[in-house]
Amino acid sequence: LGADPVTYQATIHACLSCGRASAAHDIMREMLENDIPIRSMMWTWLLEAYIAKSDELRAVEVAKKMGELCILPKRSNVLHMKREINHLGGLQSLSRTLDKWEKDTRPDAWID
């Protein structure tokens, strides 16, 4: 894709918009390998996409990476993801991570 972060981010957004979370995830891995910055919101959108697909394995993988990178989503996103998990059922290990994030965030604590 080239080294332009905007091109990468636009491609990630397009992948997520058409339900191709794994393709977006692959692009984000490539960006990490090449030290190309990734907006915090992209991580949140990827996590939300895996939650919507009930893909606990990938969702937990993304959540762990976000933790390693010290990325916390906005509280409103955390609450939305928790509602989605409750609606879908399952995803219990991710639910515990979101509970911790909810305690660690404030409405104004997130900056992208």
C-alpha atoms as a PDB file:
ATOM      1  CA  LEU A   1       0.000   0.000   0.000  1.00  0.00           C
ATOM      2  CA  GLY A   2       2.943   2.351   0.407  1.00  0.00           C
ATOM      3  CA  ALA A   3       4.060   4.175   3.532  1.00  0.00           C
ATOM      4  CA  ASP A   4       1.310   6.804   3.662  1.00  0.00           C
ATOM      5  CA  PRO A   5      -0.658   6.332   6.914  1.00  0.00           C
ATOM      6  CA  VAL A   6      -3.731   7.997   5.398  1.00  0.00           C
ATOM      7  CA  THR A   7      -3.856   5.441   2.579  1.00  0.00           C
ATOM      8  CA  TYR A   8      -3.527   2.604   5.060  1.00  0.00           C
ATOM      9  CA  GLN A   9      -6.240   4.047   7.296  1.00  0.00           C
ATOM     10  CA  ALA A  10      -8.603   4.591   4.364  1.00  0.00           C
ATOM     11  CA  THR A  11      -8.076   0.992   3.283  1.00  0.00           C
ATOM     12  CA  ILE A  12      -8.680  -0.275   6.831  1.00  0.00           C
ATOM     13  CA  HIS A  13     -11.872   1.764   7.014  1.00  0.00           C
ATOM     14  CA  ALA A  14     -13.033   0.351   3.669  1.00  0.00           C
ATOM     15  CA  CYS A  15     -12.320  -3.209   4.808  1.00  0.00           C
ATOM     16  CA  LEU A  16     -14.203  -2.724   8.056  1.00  0.00           C
ATOM     17  CA  SER A  17     -17.107  -1.049   6.265  1.00  0.00           C
ATOM     18  CA  CYS A  18     -17.627  -4.072   4.033  1.00  0.00           C
ATOM     19  CA  GLY A  19     -17.242  -6.663   6.791  1.00  0.00           C
ATOM     20  CA  ARG A  20     -13.665  -7.736   6.097  1.00  0.00           C
ATOM     21  CA  ALA A  21     -12.216  -7.417   9.589  1.00  0.00           C
ATOM     22  CA  SER A  22      -9.487  -9.987   8.951  1.00  0.00           C
ATOM     23  CA  ALA A  23      -8.213  -7.997   5.950  1.00  0.00           C
ATOM     24  CA  ALA A  24      -8.174  -4.828   8.055  1.00  0.00           C
ATOM     25  CA  HIS A  25      -6.331  -6.708  10.793  1.00  0.00           C
ATOM     26  CA  ASP A  26      -3.709  -7.910   8.296  1.00  0.00           C
ATOM     27  CA  ILE A  27      -3.129  -4.330   7.148  1.00  0.00           C
ATOM     28  CA  MET A  28      -2.765  -3.162  10.744  1.00  0.00           C
ATOM     29  CA  ARG A  29      -0.188  -5.897  11.406  1.00  0.00           C
ATOM     30  CA  GLU A  30       1.748  -4.695   8.360  1.00  0.00           C
ATOM     31  CA  MET A  31       1.595  -1.133   9.661  1.00  0.00           C
ATOM     32  CA  LEU A  32       2.948  -2.230  13.057  1.00  0.00           C
ATOM     33  CA  GLU A  33       5.783  -4.155  11.399  1.00  0.00           C
ATOM     34  CA  ASN A  34       6.721  -1.035   9.423  1.00  0.00           C
ATOM     35  CA  ASP A  35       6.330   1.429  12.325  1.00  0.00           C
ATOM     36  CA  ILE A  36       3.463   3.226  10.601  1.00  0.00           C
ATOM     37  CA  PRO A  37       1.183   4.939  13.132  1.00  0.00           C
ATOM     38  CA  ILE A  38      -2.344   3.608  13.599  1.00  0.00           C
ATOM     39  CA  ARG A  39      -5.105   5.833  14.967  1.00  0.00           C
ATOM     40  CA  SER A  40      -6.580   4.601  18.229  1.00  0.00           C
ATOM     41  CA  MET A  41     -10.048   4.606  16.724  1.00  0.00           C
ATOM     42  CA  MET A  42      -8.977   2.040  14.117  1.00  0.00           C
ATOM     43  CA  TRP A  43      -8.229  -0.412  16.933  1.00  0.00           C
ATOM     44  CA  THR A  44     -11.627   0.263  18.477  1.00  0.00           C
ATOM     45  CA  TRP A  45     -13.414  -0.258  15.156  1.00  0.00           C
ATOM     46  CA  LEU A  46     -11.515  -3.513  14.569  1.00  0.00           C
ATOM     47  CA  LEU A  47     -12.438  -4.771  18.030  1.00  0.00           C
ATOM     48  CA  GLU A  48     -16.079  -3.802  17.466  1.00  0.00           C
ATOM     49  CA  ALA A  49     -16.063  -5.666  14.136  1.00  0.00           C
ATOM     50  CA  TYR A  50     -14.806  -8.865  15.755  1.00  0.00           C
ATOM     51  CA  ILE A  51     -17.381  -8.530  18.527  1.00  0.00           C
ATOM     52  CA  ALA A  52     -20.143  -8.143  15.919  1.00  0.00           C
ATOM     53  CA  LYS A  53     -18.912 -11.366  14.287  1.00  0.00           C
ATOM     54  CA  SER A  54     -18.753 -13.102  17.713  1.00  0.00           C
ATOM     55  CA  ASP A  55     -15.106 -13.924  16.940  1.00  0.00           C
ATOM     56  CA  GLU A  56     -13.825 -14.149  20.499  1.00  0.00           C
ATOM     57  CA  LEU A  57     -10.365 -15.406  19.557  1.00  0.00           C
ATOM     58  CA  ARG A  58      -9.650 -12.414  17.298  1.00  0.00           C
ATOM     59  CA  ALA A  59     -11.404  -9.941  19.613  1.00  0.00           C
ATOM     60  CA  VAL A  60      -9.249 -11.039  22.545  1.00  0.00           C
ATOM     61  CA  GLU A  61      -6.136 -10.851  20.340  1.00  0.00           C
ATOM     62  CA  VAL A  62      -6.988  -7.250  19.399  1.00  0.00           C
ATOM     63  CA  ALA A  63      -7.810  -6.321  23.003  1.00  0.00           C
ATOM     64  CA  LYS A  64      -4.450  -7.721  24.172  1.00  0.00           C
ATOM     65  CA  LYS A  65      -2.628  -5.749  21.499  1.00  0.00           C
ATOM     66  CA  MET A  66      -4.493  -2.608  22.514  1.00  0.00           C
ATOM     67  CA  GLY A  67      -3.381  -3.247  26.092  1.00  0.00           C
ATOM     68  CA  GLU A  68       0.237  -3.688  24.993  1.00  0.00           C
ATOM     69  CA  LEU A  69       0.032  -0.402  23.089  1.00  0.00           C
ATOM     70  CA  CYS A  70      -1.728   1.359  26.019  1.00  0.00           C
ATOM     71  CA  ILE A  71      -4.764   2.141  23.875  1.00  0.00           C
ATOM     72  CA  LEU A  72      -8.009   2.577  25.780  1.00  0.00           C
ATOM     73  CA  PRO A  73     -11.198   3.233  23.841  1.00  0.00           C
ATOM     74  CA  LYS A  74     -13.583   5.967  24.864  1.00  0.00           C
ATOM     75  CA  ARG A  75     -15.902   4.975  27.688  1.00  0.00           C
ATOM     76  CA  SER A  76     -18.897   5.252  25.340  1.00  0.00           C
ATOM     77  CA  ASN A  77     -17.283   2.691  23.004  1.00  0.00           C
ATOM     78  CA  VAL A  78     -16.544   0.374  25.916  1.00  0.00           C
ATOM     79  CA  LEU A  79     -20.159   0.589  27.092  1.00  0.00           C
ATOM     80  CA  HIS A  80     -21.407  -0.022  23.528  1.00  0.00           C
ATOM     81  CA  MET A  81     -19.184  -3.108  23.201  1.00  0.00           C
ATOM     82  CA  LYS A  82     -20.388  -4.417  26.572  1.00  0.00           C
ATOM     83  CA  ARG A  83     -24.019  -4.030  25.470  1.00  0.00           C
ATOM     84  CA  GLU A  84     -23.238  -5.838  22.224  1.00  0.00           C
ATOM     85  CA  ILE A  85     -21.574  -8.706  24.099  1.00  0.00           C
ATOM     86  CA  ASN A  86     -24.530  -8.984  26.469  1.00  0.00           C
ATOM     87  CA  HIS A  87     -26.899  -9.024  23.494  1.00  0.00           C
ATOM     88  CA  LEU A  88     -24.904 -11.679  21.616  1.00  0.00           C
ATOM     89  CA  GLY A  89     -23.975 -13.791  24.628  1.00  0.00           C
ATOM     90  CA  GLY A  90     -20.601 -15.455  25.053  1.00  0.00           C
ATOM     91  CA  LEU A  91     -17.313 -13.571  24.662  1.00  0.00           C
ATOM     92  CA  GLN A  92     -16.828 -13.794  28.442  1.00  0.00           C
ATOM     93  CA  SER A  93     -13.042 -13.380  28.495  1.00  0.00           C
ATOM     94  CA  LEU A  94     -13.412 -10.201  26.460  1.00  0.00           C
ATOM     95  CA  SER A  95     -16.197  -9.049  28.762  1.00  0.00           C
ATOM     96  CA  ARG A  96     -13.757  -9.125  31.692  1.00  0.00           C
ATOM     97  CA  THR A  97     -11.300  -6.950  29.756  1.00  0.00           C
ATOM     98  CA  LEU A  98     -14.054  -4.463  28.954  1.00  0.00           C
ATOM     99  CA  ASP A  99     -15.055  -4.357  32.631  1.00  0.00           C
ATOM    100  CA  LYS A 100     -11.476  -3.395  33.499  1.00  0.00           C
ATOM    101  CA  TRP A 101     -11.370  -0.793  30.726  1.00  0.00           C
ATOM    102  CA  GLU A 102     -14.619   0.715  31.941  1.00  0.00           C
ATOM    103  CA  LYS A 103     -13.048   1.248  35.367  1.00  0.00           C
ATOM    104  CA  ASP A 104      -9.884   2.717  33.816  1.00  0.00           C
ATOM    105  CA  THR A 105     -11.588   5.254  31.551  1.00  0.00           C
ATOM    106  CA  ARG A 106     -13.424   8.512  32.021  1.00  0.00           C
ATOM    107  CA  PRO A 107     -15.590  10.142  29.377  1.00  0.00           C
ATOM    108  CA  ASP A 108     -12.805  12.616  28.632  1.00  0.00           C
ATOM    109  CA  ALA A 109      -9.850  10.252  29.115  1.00  0.00           C
ATOM    110  CA  TRP A 110      -9.474   9.252  25.482  1.00  0.00           C
ATOM    111  CA  ILE A 111      -7.531  11.252  22.913  1.00  0.00           C
ATOM    112  CA  ASP A 112      -6.821   9.975  19.414  1.00  0.00           C
END
